[in-house]
Amino acid sequence: MVGEQLKKRGFIDIDGLDPASGMRHQALKKKVYKTYYLEFMDGHRIDDIESDAYDCAVAAGCFNLGLLPCAALLEMARVVKPGGLVCFAIFDYNLTAVPEYNNRLGPLMSWMEKEGVWELLDTKQRTDSDITGTMETVYRYTIRASEVDTSSAPARFPINGAGSNIYNLNGICH
């Protein structure tokens, strides 16, 4: 689990989030999480998490068929302080093979950069994250904005089913 890897690397103030109670139960056994949210990051505002609450948000194994939608990126950015990092990985083939991401996730990431929400720090390609040796890209973005008005988002990025949501967007991962 990501929390265990972060703890091994010296991080001590780690929270977790997953919509599955079984995953929460298993994660809490590890005793690495300060708080664990039983939530689905689907683009809705998670009221229990303040804006600008974290130095870093990490998503591993989440951008797959039936898991995180594109809109989760906005909520990840909202909960990270300006100057903090959002880090996530996605198997390269998922950018076209998963309908939710096909011609949407990459353009949304670019739109968020154009709108000043974040700035791409770097990417790293790797093939050692699963037993198949499948190529994935790890993205690291630095958060820049304290707010983003999603009403200017292109129509192909449905955010909470509406186009006028305001997100307040205000540790380091590798």
N, C-alpha and C. Protein backbone atom coordinates (compact mmCIF):
# COMPACT_ATOMS: atom_id res chain seq x y z
N MET A 1 0.83 -1.19 0.00
CA MET A 1 0.00 0.00 0.00
C MET A 1 0.88 1.25 0.00
N VAL A 2 0.33 2.31 -0.53
CA VAL A 2 1.08 3.56 -0.65
C VAL A 2 1.51 4.08 0.71
N GLY A 3 0.63 4.03 1.69
CA GLY A 3 0.96 4.53 3.02
C GLY A 3 2.18 3.86 3.62
N GLU A 4 2.29 2.55 3.43
CA GLU A 4 3.45 1.82 3.94
C GLU A 4 4.73 2.29 3.27
N GLN A 5 4.67 2.49 1.96
CA GLN A 5 5.85 2.95 1.22
C GLN A 5 6.25 4.36 1.66
N LEU A 6 5.26 5.22 1.88
CA LEU A 6 5.57 6.58 2.34
C LEU A 6 6.21 6.55 3.72
N LYS A 7 5.67 5.72 4.61
CA LYS A 7 6.23 5.62 5.96
C LYS A 7 7.67 5.12 5.91
N LYS A 8 7.95 4.13 5.06
CA LYS A 8 9.32 3.62 4.92
C LYS A 8 10.27 4.72 4.47
N ARG A 9 9.74 5.71 3.76
CA ARG A 9 10.57 6.80 3.25
C ARG A 9 10.59 8.00 4.19
N GLY A 10 10.08 7.83 5.40
CA GLY A 10 10.19 8.87 6.42
C GLY A 10 8.99 9.77 6.62
N PHE A 11 7.93 9.56 5.88
CA PHE A 11 6.73 10.38 6.08
C PHE A 11 6.00 9.88 7.32
N ILE A 12 5.47 10.80 8.12
CA ILE A 12 4.82 10.38 9.36
C ILE A 12 3.37 10.84 9.47
N ASP A 13 2.99 11.87 8.78
CA ASP A 13 1.63 12.41 8.88
C ASP A 13 0.87 12.03 7.61
N ILE A 14 0.31 10.81 7.59
CA ILE A 14 -0.28 10.23 6.38
C ILE A 14 -1.75 9.94 6.61
N ASP A 15 -2.61 10.43 5.72
CA ASP A 15 -4.03 10.10 5.72
C ASP A 15 -4.32 9.23 4.50
N GLY A 16 -5.39 8.46 4.56
CA GLY A 16 -5.78 7.62 3.44
C GLY A 16 -7.22 7.87 3.04
N LEU A 17 -7.59 7.43 1.83
CA LEU A 17 -8.94 7.59 1.33
C LEU A 17 -9.24 6.45 0.38
N ASP A 18 -10.39 5.81 0.57
CA ASP A 18 -10.85 4.75 -0.31
C ASP A 18 -12.34 4.56 -0.06
N PRO A 19 -13.13 4.26 -1.10
CA PRO A 19 -14.56 4.08 -0.88
C PRO A 19 -14.94 2.70 -0.34
N ALA A 20 -14.01 1.77 -0.34
CA ALA A 20 -14.33 0.40 0.06
C ALA A 20 -14.01 0.17 1.53
N SER A 21 -15.02 -0.25 2.29
CA SER A 21 -14.81 -0.47 3.72
C SER A 21 -13.82 -1.60 3.97
N GLY A 22 -13.77 -2.60 3.08
CA GLY A 22 -12.80 -3.68 3.22
C GLY A 22 -11.37 -3.18 3.09
N MET A 23 -11.15 -2.27 2.16
CA MET A 23 -9.81 -1.68 2.00
C MET A 23 -9.46 -0.84 3.22
N ARG A 24 -10.44 -0.12 3.74
CA ARG A 24 -10.20 0.69 4.93
C ARG A 24 -9.79 -0.21 6.10
N HIS A 25 -10.50 -1.30 6.28
CA HIS A 25 -10.21 -2.24 7.36
C HIS A 25 -8.77 -2.77 7.24
N GLN A 26 -8.39 -3.17 6.03
CA GLN A 26 -7.04 -3.67 5.81
C GLN A 26 -5.99 -2.57 6.03
N ALA A 27 -6.30 -1.37 5.56
CA ALA A 27 -5.35 -0.26 5.68
C ALA A 27 -5.12 0.12 7.14
N LEU A 28 -6.18 0.13 7.93
CA LEU A 28 -6.04 0.53 9.33
C LEU A 28 -5.21 -0.47 10.13
N LYS A 29 -5.18 -1.71 9.69
CA LYS A 29 -4.33 -2.72 10.34
C LYS A 29 -2.85 -2.36 10.24
N LYS A 30 -2.50 -1.61 9.20
CA LYS A 30 -1.09 -1.26 8.96
C LYS A 30 -0.57 -0.21 9.94
N LYS A 31 -1.49 0.51 10.57
CA LYS A 31 -1.15 1.53 11.57
C LYS A 31 -0.20 2.61 11.02
N VAL A 32 -0.44 3.03 9.79
CA VAL A 32 0.36 4.12 9.21
C VAL A 32 -0.48 5.37 8.97
N TYR A 33 -1.80 5.25 9.03
CA TYR A 33 -2.67 6.37 8.70
C TYR A 33 -3.15 7.10 9.95
N LYS A 34 -3.04 8.41 9.92
CA LYS A 34 -3.57 9.24 11.00
C LYS A 34 -5.10 9.28 10.90
N THR A 35 -5.61 9.52 9.70
CA THR A 35 -7.05 9.55 9.41
C THR A 35 -7.28 8.76 8.13
N TYR A 36 -8.39 8.07 8.07
CA TYR A 36 -8.71 7.30 6.87
C TYR A 36 -10.16 7.63 6.49
N TYR A 37 -10.34 8.20 5.32
CA TYR A 37 -11.66 8.63 4.85
C TYR A 37 -12.29 7.53 4.00
N LEU A 38 -13.52 7.21 4.32
CA LEU A 38 -14.30 6.25 3.53
C LEU A 38 -15.11 7.08 2.54
N GLU A 39 -14.48 7.41 1.42
CA GLU A 39 -15.05 8.32 0.42
C GLU A 39 -14.65 7.87 -0.97
N PHE A 40 -15.45 8.27 -1.96
CA PHE A 40 -15.10 8.08 -3.35
C PHE A 40 -14.74 9.44 -3.92
N MET A 41 -13.57 9.57 -4.49
CA MET A 41 -13.12 10.83 -5.06
C MET A 41 -13.59 10.89 -6.50
N ASP A 42 -14.84 11.32 -6.68
CA ASP A 42 -15.44 11.32 -8.01
C ASP A 42 -15.66 12.73 -8.54
N GLY A 43 -15.05 13.70 -7.91
CA GLY A 43 -15.20 15.08 -8.36
C GLY A 43 -16.08 15.90 -7.44
N HIS A 44 -16.88 15.23 -6.58
CA HIS A 44 -17.66 16.00 -5.62
C HIS A 44 -16.71 16.51 -4.52
N ARG A 45 -17.09 17.59 -3.90
CA ARG A 45 -16.27 18.15 -2.83
C ARG A 45 -16.42 17.26 -1.59
N ILE A 46 -15.31 16.80 -1.07
CA ILE A 46 -15.33 15.99 0.14
C ILE A 46 -15.26 16.96 1.31
N ASP A 47 -16.41 17.19 1.94
CA ASP A 47 -16.52 18.22 2.95
C ASP A 47 -15.66 17.99 4.18
N ASP A 48 -15.33 16.74 4.48
CA ASP A 48 -14.51 16.45 5.65
C ASP A 48 -13.04 16.81 5.45
N ILE A 49 -12.66 17.15 4.22
CA ILE A 49 -11.27 17.52 3.94
C ILE A 49 -11.24 18.99 3.54
N GLU A 50 -10.54 19.78 4.32
CA GLU A 50 -10.42 21.21 4.07
C GLU A 50 -9.61 21.48 2.81
N SER A 51 -9.87 22.61 2.19
CA SER A 51 -9.01 23.07 1.10
C SER A 51 -7.63 23.34 1.67
N ASP A 52 -6.61 23.12 0.85
CA ASP A 52 -5.23 23.40 1.23
C ASP A 52 -4.78 22.61 2.46
N ALA A 53 -5.34 21.44 2.68
CA ALA A 53 -5.05 20.66 3.88
C ALA A 53 -3.73 19.89 3.82
N TYR A 54 -3.25 19.58 2.63
CA TYR A 54 -2.12 18.67 2.50
C TYR A 54 -0.96 19.28 1.72
N ASP A 55 0.23 18.77 2.03
CA ASP A 55 1.43 19.13 1.28
C ASP A 55 1.51 18.32 -0.01
N CYS A 56 0.89 17.15 -0.01
CA CYS A 56 0.99 16.26 -1.16
C CYS A 56 -0.22 15.32 -1.19
N ALA A 57 -0.68 15.00 -2.38
CA ALA A 57 -1.70 13.96 -2.58
C ALA A 57 -1.13 12.95 -3.56
N VAL A 58 -1.24 11.67 -3.21
CA VAL A 58 -0.69 10.59 -4.02
C VAL A 58 -1.81 9.63 -4.39
N ALA A 59 -1.90 9.26 -5.65
CA ALA A 59 -2.87 8.26 -6.10
C ALA A 59 -2.11 7.17 -6.84
N ALA A 60 -2.20 5.96 -6.33
CA ALA A 60 -1.51 4.83 -6.97
C ALA A 60 -2.54 3.74 -7.26
N GLY A 61 -2.54 3.24 -8.48
CA GLY A 61 -3.47 2.18 -8.86
C GLY A 61 -4.91 2.65 -8.94
N CYS A 62 -5.12 3.93 -9.07
CA CYS A 62 -6.48 4.49 -9.03
C CYS A 62 -7.04 4.84 -10.39
N PHE A 63 -6.19 5.14 -11.35
CA PHE A 63 -6.66 5.52 -12.67
C PHE A 63 -6.74 4.28 -13.55
N ASN A 64 -7.77 3.51 -13.30
CA ASN A 64 -8.06 2.27 -14.03
C ASN A 64 -9.55 2.20 -14.30
N LEU A 65 -9.95 1.27 -15.14
CA LEU A 65 -11.36 1.09 -15.51
C LEU A 65 -12.23 0.97 -14.27
N GLY A 66 -13.23 1.83 -14.17
CA GLY A 66 -14.19 1.78 -13.08
C GLY A 66 -13.74 2.41 -11.78
N LEU A 67 -12.57 3.02 -11.77
CA LEU A 67 -12.09 3.62 -10.53
C LEU A 67 -12.21 5.14 -10.61
N LEU A 68 -11.15 5.89 -10.41
CA LEU A 68 -11.26 7.35 -10.37
C LEU A 68 -11.67 7.93 -11.72
N PRO A 69 -12.67 8.83 -11.70
CA PRO A 69 -13.01 9.56 -12.93
C PRO A 69 -12.04 10.73 -13.10
N CYS A 70 -12.06 11.31 -14.27
CA CYS A 70 -11.20 12.46 -14.56
C CYS A 70 -11.37 13.58 -13.53
N ALA A 71 -12.60 13.84 -13.13
CA ALA A 71 -12.90 14.95 -12.22
C ALA A 71 -12.20 14.83 -10.87
N ALA A 72 -11.70 13.65 -10.53
CA ALA A 72 -10.98 13.48 -9.27
C ALA A 72 -9.74 14.37 -9.21
N LEU A 73 -9.16 14.70 -10.36
CA LEU A 73 -7.97 15.54 -10.37
C LEU A 73 -8.24 16.91 -9.74
N LEU A 74 -9.43 17.46 -9.98
CA LEU A 74 -9.75 18.77 -9.40
C LEU A 74 -9.85 18.70 -7.88
N GLU A 75 -10.42 17.62 -7.37
CA GLU A 75 -10.52 17.48 -5.91
C GLU A 75 -9.15 17.21 -5.31
N MET A 76 -8.31 16.47 -6.00
CA MET A 76 -6.94 16.25 -5.51
C MET A 76 -6.21 17.59 -5.43
N ALA A 77 -6.37 18.42 -6.44
CA ALA A 77 -5.72 19.72 -6.44
C ALA A 77 -6.28 20.62 -5.34
N ARG A 78 -7.58 20.54 -5.09
CA ARG A 78 -8.21 21.39 -4.07
C ARG A 78 -7.64 21.15 -2.69
N VAL A 79 -7.35 19.91 -2.37
CA VAL A 79 -6.94 19.60 -1.00
C VAL A 79 -5.45 19.81 -0.75
N VAL A 80 -4.68 20.14 -1.81
CA VAL A 80 -3.24 20.34 -1.67
C VAL A 80 -2.93 21.84 -1.64
N LYS A 81 -2.06 22.22 -0.74
CA LYS A 81 -1.65 23.62 -0.58
C LYS A 81 -0.90 24.11 -1.83
N PRO A 82 -1.02 25.40 -2.16
CA PRO A 82 -0.17 25.95 -3.20
C PRO A 82 1.30 25.68 -2.87
N GLY A 83 2.03 25.22 -3.87
CA GLY A 83 3.41 24.82 -3.68
C GLY A 83 3.56 23.34 -3.37
N GLY A 84 2.44 22.68 -3.04
CA GLY A 84 2.47 21.25 -2.76
C GLY A 84 2.40 20.44 -4.05
N LEU A 85 2.43 19.12 -3.90
CA LEU A 85 2.46 18.23 -5.06
C LEU A 85 1.25 17.33 -5.15
N VAL A 86 0.84 17.06 -6.39
CA VAL A 86 -0.11 15.99 -6.70
C VAL A 86 0.67 14.99 -7.54
N CYS A 87 0.70 13.75 -7.08
CA CYS A 87 1.46 12.69 -7.76
C CYS A 87 0.52 11.53 -8.05
N PHE A 88 0.55 11.06 -9.29
CA PHE A 88 -0.26 9.91 -9.64
C PHE A 88 0.35 9.19 -10.82
N ALA A 89 -0.04 7.94 -10.98
CA ALA A 89 0.46 7.14 -12.09
C ALA A 89 -0.72 6.58 -12.86
N ILE A 90 -0.51 6.38 -14.14
CA ILE A 90 -1.53 5.77 -14.98
C ILE A 90 -0.82 4.91 -16.04
N PHE A 91 -1.33 3.70 -16.22
CA PHE A 91 -0.80 2.88 -17.30
C PHE A 91 -1.07 3.60 -18.60
N ASP A 92 -0.06 3.69 -19.45
CA ASP A 92 -0.18 4.46 -20.69
C ASP A 92 -1.35 4.01 -21.55
N TYR A 93 -1.58 2.70 -21.63
CA TYR A 93 -2.68 2.21 -22.47
C TYR A 93 -4.04 2.66 -21.94
N ASN A 94 -4.15 2.95 -20.64
CA ASN A 94 -5.44 3.39 -20.08
C ASN A 94 -5.88 4.74 -20.62
N LEU A 95 -4.95 5.55 -21.09
CA LEU A 95 -5.32 6.86 -21.62
C LEU A 95 -6.24 6.74 -22.84
N THR A 96 -6.15 5.62 -23.55
CA THR A 96 -7.05 5.40 -24.70
C THR A 96 -7.99 4.23 -24.49
N ALA A 97 -7.59 3.22 -23.71
CA ALA A 97 -8.41 2.01 -23.55
C ALA A 97 -9.59 2.21 -22.61
N VAL A 98 -9.47 3.12 -21.65
CA VAL A 98 -10.55 3.36 -20.69
C VAL A 98 -11.40 4.52 -21.22
N PRO A 99 -12.67 4.27 -21.52
CA PRO A 99 -13.52 5.33 -22.09
C PRO A 99 -13.53 6.63 -21.28
N GLU A 100 -13.52 6.54 -19.96
CA GLU A 100 -13.52 7.73 -19.11
C GLU A 100 -12.30 8.61 -19.37
N TYR A 101 -11.18 8.01 -19.74
CA TYR A 101 -9.94 8.76 -19.92
C TYR A 101 -9.62 9.08 -21.38
N ASN A 102 -10.19 8.33 -22.30
CA ASN A 102 -9.89 8.49 -23.72
C ASN A 102 -10.22 9.91 -24.19
N ASN A 103 -9.23 10.63 -24.62
CA ASN A 103 -9.38 12.00 -25.11
C ASN A 103 -9.98 12.93 -24.05
N ARG A 104 -9.80 12.58 -22.77
CA ARG A 104 -10.33 13.42 -21.70
C ARG A 104 -9.31 13.69 -20.60
N LEU A 105 -8.66 12.63 -20.10
CA LEU A 105 -7.76 12.82 -18.95
C LEU A 105 -6.57 13.69 -19.33
N GLY A 106 -5.90 13.37 -20.42
CA GLY A 106 -4.77 14.18 -20.87
C GLY A 106 -5.17 15.62 -21.14
N PRO A 107 -6.26 15.85 -21.90
CA PRO A 107 -6.69 17.23 -22.12
C PRO A 107 -7.09 17.96 -20.83
N LEU A 108 -7.68 17.25 -19.86
CA LEU A 108 -8.02 17.89 -18.58
C LEU A 108 -6.75 18.30 -17.84
N MET A 109 -5.75 17.43 -17.85
CA MET A 109 -4.48 17.77 -17.20
C MET A 109 -3.88 19.02 -17.85
N SER A 110 -3.93 19.10 -19.17
CA SER A 110 -3.42 20.28 -19.89
C SER A 110 -4.25 21.52 -19.58
N TRP A 111 -5.58 21.36 -19.52
CA TRP A 111 -6.46 22.49 -19.22
C TRP A 111 -6.15 23.03 -17.82
N MET A 112 -5.95 22.13 -16.86
CA MET A 112 -5.63 22.57 -15.49
C MET A 112 -4.32 23.34 -15.45
N GLU A 113 -3.38 22.94 -16.29
CA GLU A 113 -2.11 23.66 -16.34
C GLU A 113 -2.32 25.04 -16.99
N LYS A 114 -3.07 25.07 -18.08
CA LYS A 114 -3.35 26.34 -18.79
C LYS A 114 -4.10 27.32 -17.89
N GLU A 115 -5.00 26.80 -17.05
CA GLU A 115 -5.79 27.64 -16.15
C GLU A 115 -5.02 28.05 -14.89
N GLY A 116 -3.80 27.56 -14.75
CA GLY A 116 -2.98 27.94 -13.61
C GLY A 116 -3.26 27.16 -12.34
N VAL A 117 -3.96 26.04 -12.45
CA VAL A 117 -4.23 25.22 -11.28
C VAL A 117 -2.95 24.55 -10.81
N TRP A 118 -2.20 24.02 -11.77
CA TRP A 118 -0.96 23.34 -11.45
C TRP A 118 0.05 23.49 -12.56
N GLU A 119 1.26 23.08 -12.28
CA GLU A 119 2.34 23.11 -13.26
C GLU A 119 3.02 21.74 -13.23
N LEU A 120 3.24 21.18 -14.40
CA LEU A 120 3.90 19.88 -14.49
C LEU A 120 5.34 20.01 -14.00
N LEU A 121 5.66 19.28 -12.96
CA LEU A 121 7.03 19.26 -12.45
C LEU A 121 7.86 18.27 -13.26
N ASP A 122 7.35 17.04 -13.39
CA ASP A 122 8.04 16.06 -14.21
C ASP A 122 7.17 14.82 -14.41
N THR A 123 7.62 13.98 -15.32
CA THR A 123 7.00 12.68 -15.53
C THR A 123 8.12 11.65 -15.53
N LYS A 124 7.74 10.45 -15.20
CA LYS A 124 8.71 9.35 -15.20
C LYS A 124 8.00 8.12 -15.73
N GLN A 125 8.58 7.49 -16.72
CA GLN A 125 8.01 6.26 -17.24
C GLN A 125 8.68 5.09 -16.54
N ARG A 126 7.86 4.07 -16.24
CA ARG A 126 8.37 2.91 -15.55
C ARG A 126 7.60 1.66 -15.97
N THR A 127 8.22 0.53 -15.80
CA THR A 127 7.58 -0.75 -16.13
C THR A 127 7.64 -1.72 -14.96
N ASP A 128 7.97 -1.23 -13.78
CA ASP A 128 8.16 -2.13 -12.64
C ASP A 128 7.04 -2.07 -11.60
N SER A 129 5.90 -1.51 -11.97
CA SER A 129 4.84 -1.36 -10.97
C SER A 129 3.91 -2.57 -10.88
N ASP A 130 3.96 -3.44 -11.84
CA ASP A 130 3.14 -4.66 -11.76
C ASP A 130 3.91 -5.81 -12.40
N ILE A 131 3.38 -6.99 -12.30
CA ILE A 131 4.11 -8.17 -12.78
C ILE A 131 4.15 -8.30 -14.29
N THR A 132 3.32 -7.52 -14.99
CA THR A 132 3.28 -7.63 -16.46
C THR A 132 4.35 -6.80 -17.15
N GLY A 133 4.95 -5.86 -16.44
CA GLY A 133 5.94 -4.99 -17.07
C GLY A 133 5.32 -3.94 -17.97
N THR A 134 4.05 -3.64 -17.74
CA THR A 134 3.32 -2.67 -18.55
C THR A 134 3.84 -1.25 -18.28
N MET A 135 3.98 -0.47 -19.35
CA MET A 135 4.48 0.90 -19.23
C MET A 135 3.44 1.78 -18.55
N GLU A 136 3.88 2.53 -17.55
CA GLU A 136 3.03 3.53 -16.93
C GLU A 136 3.82 4.80 -16.78
N THR A 137 3.10 5.91 -16.67
CA THR A 137 3.73 7.21 -16.48
C THR A 137 3.33 7.75 -15.12
N VAL A 138 4.32 8.19 -14.36
CA VAL A 138 4.10 8.85 -13.08
C VAL A 138 4.16 10.35 -13.35
N TYR A 139 3.12 11.06 -12.93
CA TYR A 139 3.05 12.51 -13.12
C TYR A 139 3.22 13.19 -11.77
N ARG A 140 4.00 14.26 -11.75
CA ARG A 140 4.12 15.09 -10.55
C ARG A 140 3.82 16.53 -10.94
N TYR A 141 2.79 17.07 -10.31
CA TYR A 141 2.37 18.45 -10.56
C TYR A 141 2.53 19.28 -9.29
N THR A 142 2.99 20.51 -9.45
CA THR A 142 3.04 21.47 -8.36
C THR A 142 1.77 22.31 -8.41
N ILE A 143 1.08 22.41 -7.29
CA ILE A 143 -0.15 23.19 -7.22
C ILE A 143 0.19 24.67 -7.21
N ARG A 144 -0.52 25.44 -8.04
CA ARG A 144 -0.27 26.88 -8.18
C ARG A 144 -1.46 27.74 -7.74
N ALA A 145 -2.69 27.27 -7.96
CA ALA A 145 -3.87 28.11 -7.77
C ALA A 145 -4.50 27.90 -6.40
N SER A 146 -5.19 28.94 -5.95
CA SER A 146 -5.98 28.78 -4.74
C SER A 146 -7.45 28.59 -5.09
N GLU A 147 -7.82 28.88 -6.32
CA GLU A 147 -9.20 28.64 -6.78
C GLU A 147 -9.17 28.30 -8.26
N VAL A 148 -10.16 27.52 -8.67
CA VAL A 148 -10.36 27.29 -10.10
C VAL A 148 -11.85 27.33 -10.36
N ASP A 149 -12.23 28.08 -11.34
CA ASP A 149 -13.63 28.16 -11.75
C ASP A 149 -13.82 27.17 -12.89
N THR A 150 -14.52 26.09 -12.61
CA THR A 150 -14.68 25.05 -13.61
C THR A 150 -15.73 25.39 -14.67
N SER A 151 -16.35 26.55 -14.57
CA SER A 151 -17.33 26.91 -15.59
C SER A 151 -16.67 27.10 -16.95
N SER A 152 -15.36 27.34 -16.96
CA SER A 152 -14.66 27.50 -18.23
C SER A 152 -14.11 26.18 -18.76
N ALA A 153 -14.37 25.09 -18.04
CA ALA A 153 -13.88 23.78 -18.50
C ALA A 153 -14.63 23.37 -19.75
N PRO A 154 -13.93 22.79 -20.72
CA PRO A 154 -14.61 22.30 -21.92
C PRO A 154 -15.70 21.29 -21.56
N ALA A 155 -16.73 21.21 -22.36
CA ALA A 155 -17.89 20.36 -22.09
C ALA A 155 -17.52 18.89 -21.91
N ARG A 156 -16.42 18.44 -22.50
CA ARG A 156 -16.08 17.02 -22.38
C ARG A 156 -15.52 16.67 -21.00
N PHE A 157 -15.39 17.67 -20.11
CA PHE A 157 -14.95 17.43 -18.74
C PHE A 157 -16.11 17.67 -17.79
N PRO A 158 -17.08 16.77 -17.71
CA PRO A 158 -18.19 17.00 -16.79
C PRO A 158 -17.70 16.99 -15.35
N ILE A 159 -17.94 18.09 -14.66
CA ILE A 159 -17.50 18.23 -13.28
C ILE A 159 -18.75 18.32 -12.42
N ASN A 160 -19.04 17.29 -11.67
CA ASN A 160 -20.23 17.25 -10.82
C ASN A 160 -21.51 17.46 -11.61
N GLY A 161 -21.49 17.15 -12.87
CA GLY A 161 -22.69 17.29 -13.69
C GLY A 161 -23.08 18.72 -13.98
N ALA A 162 -22.23 19.68 -13.64
CA ALA A 162 -22.54 21.09 -13.87
C ALA A 162 -21.29 21.80 -14.34
N GLY A 163 -21.45 23.01 -14.81
CA GLY A 163 -20.30 23.74 -15.30
C GLY A 163 -19.97 24.98 -14.51
N SER A 164 -20.47 25.11 -13.29
CA SER A 164 -20.23 26.36 -12.57
C SER A 164 -19.76 26.13 -11.15
N ASN A 165 -19.03 25.07 -10.91
CA ASN A 165 -18.53 24.80 -9.57
C ASN A 165 -17.23 25.56 -9.34
N ILE A 166 -17.08 26.11 -8.17
CA ILE A 166 -15.84 26.77 -7.78
C ILE A 166 -15.13 25.86 -6.80
N TYR A 167 -13.90 25.54 -7.08
CA TYR A 167 -13.08 24.76 -6.17
C TYR A 167 -12.02 25.68 -5.60
N ASN A 168 -11.86 25.70 -4.28
CA ASN A 168 -10.75 26.41 -3.65
C ASN A 168 -9.55 25.47 -3.67
N LEU A 169 -8.49 25.91 -4.34
CA LEU A 169 -7.33 25.05 -4.48
C LEU A 169 -6.11 25.66 -3.78
N ASN A 170 -5.92 25.62 -2.85
CA ASN A 170 -4.68 26.20 -2.25
C ASN A 170 -3.75 25.05 -1.81
N GLY A 171 5.31 17.92 2.72
CA GLY A 171 5.70 16.54 2.57
C GLY A 171 6.14 16.32 1.14
N ILE A 172 6.56 15.73 0.58
CA ILE A 172 6.86 15.63 -0.83
C ILE A 172 6.89 14.16 -1.20
N CYS A 173 6.39 13.84 -2.40
CA CYS A 173 6.35 12.44 -2.83
C CYS A 173 7.25 12.25 -4.04
N HIS A 174 7.62 11.04 -4.27
CA HIS A 174 8.46 10.71 -5.45
C HIS A 174 8.18 9.30 -5.88
